[in-house]
Amino acid sequence: MLRDQVCLSSCSLSLNLSL
């Protein structure tokens, strides 16, 4: 479960950086 949250955080950061 923790890994999922970490992935979500990373994905969110990546998306924000992309935008």
PDB file of N, CA and C in Angstrom:
ATOM      1  N   MET A   1       0.847  -1.202   0.000  1.00  0.00           N
ATOM      2  CA  MET A   1       0.000   0.000   0.000  1.00  0.00           C
ATOM      3  C   MET A   1       0.889   1.261   0.000  1.00  0.00           C
ATOM      4  N   LEU A   2       1.929   1.235   0.794  1.00  0.00           N
ATOM      5  CA  LEU A   2       2.821   2.407   0.860  1.00  0.00           C
ATOM      6  C   LEU A   2       3.408   2.702  -0.514  1.00  0.00           C
ATOM      7  N   ARG A   3       3.789   1.654  -1.199  1.00  0.00           N
ATOM      8  CA  ARG A   3       4.400   1.833  -2.538  1.00  0.00           C
ATOM      9  C   ARG A   3       3.405   2.554  -3.447  1.00  0.00           C
ATOM     10  N   ASP A   4       2.155   2.195  -3.345  1.00  0.00           N
ATOM     11  CA  ASP A   4       1.137   2.844  -4.201  1.00  0.00           C
ATOM     12  C   ASP A   4       1.120   4.352  -3.937  1.00  0.00           C
ATOM     13  N   GLN A   5       1.162   4.707  -2.677  1.00  0.00           N
ATOM     14  CA  GLN A   5       1.113   6.146  -2.342  1.00  0.00           C
ATOM     15  C   GLN A   5       2.346   6.853  -2.892  1.00  0.00           C
ATOM     16  N   VAL A   6       3.492   6.209  -2.760  1.00  0.00           N
ATOM     17  CA  VAL A   6       4.737   6.821  -3.255  1.00  0.00           C
ATOM     18  C   VAL A   6       4.640   7.006  -4.756  1.00  0.00           C
ATOM     19  N   CYS A   7       4.130   6.001  -5.446  1.00  0.00           N
ATOM     20  CA  CYS A   7       3.989   6.080  -6.907  1.00  0.00           C
ATOM     21  C   CYS A   7       3.055   7.232  -7.253  1.00  0.00           C
ATOM     22  N   LEU A   8       1.972   7.348  -6.519  1.00  0.00           N
ATOM     23  CA  LEU A   8       1.003   8.419  -6.782  1.00  0.00           C
ATOM     24  C   LEU A   8       1.681   9.776  -6.611  1.00  0.00           C
ATOM     25  N   SER A   9       2.439   9.919  -5.570  1.00  0.00           N
ATOM     26  CA  SER A   9       3.121  11.197  -5.320  1.00  0.00           C
ATOM     27  C   SER A   9       4.078  11.502  -6.465  1.00  0.00           C
ATOM     28  N   SER A  10       4.853  10.508  -6.853  1.00  0.00           N
ATOM     29  CA  SER A  10       5.818  10.704  -7.942  1.00  0.00           C
ATOM     30  C   SER A  10       5.092  11.059  -9.232  1.00  0.00           C
ATOM     31  N   CYS A  11       4.041  10.324  -9.518  1.00  0.00           N
ATOM     32  CA  CYS A  11       3.269  10.591 -10.749  1.00  0.00           C
ATOM     33  C   CYS A  11       2.729  12.017 -10.712  1.00  0.00           C
ATOM     34  N   SER A  12       2.221  12.424  -9.595  1.00  0.00           N
ATOM     35  CA  SER A  12       1.644  13.775  -9.474  1.00  0.00           C
ATOM     36  C   SER A  12       2.734  14.814  -9.721  1.00  0.00           C
ATOM     37  N   LEU A  13       3.886  14.627  -9.110  1.00  0.00           N
ATOM     38  CA  LEU A  13       4.988  15.581  -9.287  1.00  0.00           C
ATOM     39  C   LEU A  13       5.398  15.627 -10.753  1.00  0.00           C
ATOM     40  N   SER A  14       5.519  14.486 -11.359  1.00  0.00           N
ATOM     41  CA  SER A  14       5.914  14.420 -12.778  1.00  0.00           C
ATOM     42  C   SER A  14       4.894  15.158 -13.632  1.00  0.00           C
ATOM     43  N   LEU A  15       3.643  14.928 -13.365  1.00  0.00           N
ATOM     44  CA  LEU A  15       2.587  15.589 -14.151  1.00  0.00           C
ATOM     45  C   LEU A  15       2.671  17.095 -13.968  1.00  0.00           C
ATOM     46  N   ASN A  16       2.843  17.531 -12.750  1.00  0.00           N
ATOM     47  CA  ASN A  16       2.922  18.969 -12.474  1.00  0.00           C
ATOM     48  C   ASN A  16       4.121  19.576 -13.205  1.00  0.00           C
ATOM     49  N   LEU A  17       5.245  18.879 -13.167  1.00  0.00           N
ATOM     50  CA  LEU A  17       6.450  19.387 -13.839  1.00  0.00           C
ATOM     51  C   LEU A  17       6.207  19.450 -15.340  1.00  0.00           C
ATOM     52  N   SER A  18       5.542  18.442 -15.855  1.00  0.00           N
ATOM     53  CA  SER A  18       5.273  18.394 -17.301  1.00  0.00           C
ATOM     54  C   SER A  18       4.428  19.606 -17.708  1.00  0.00           C
ATOM     55  N   LEU A  19       3.409  19.884 -16.912  1.00  0.00           N
ATOM     56  CA  LEU A  19       2.516  21.016 -17.230  1.00  0.00           C
ATOM     57  C   LEU A  19       3.296  22.317 -17.055  1.00  0.00           C
TER      58      LEU A  19
END
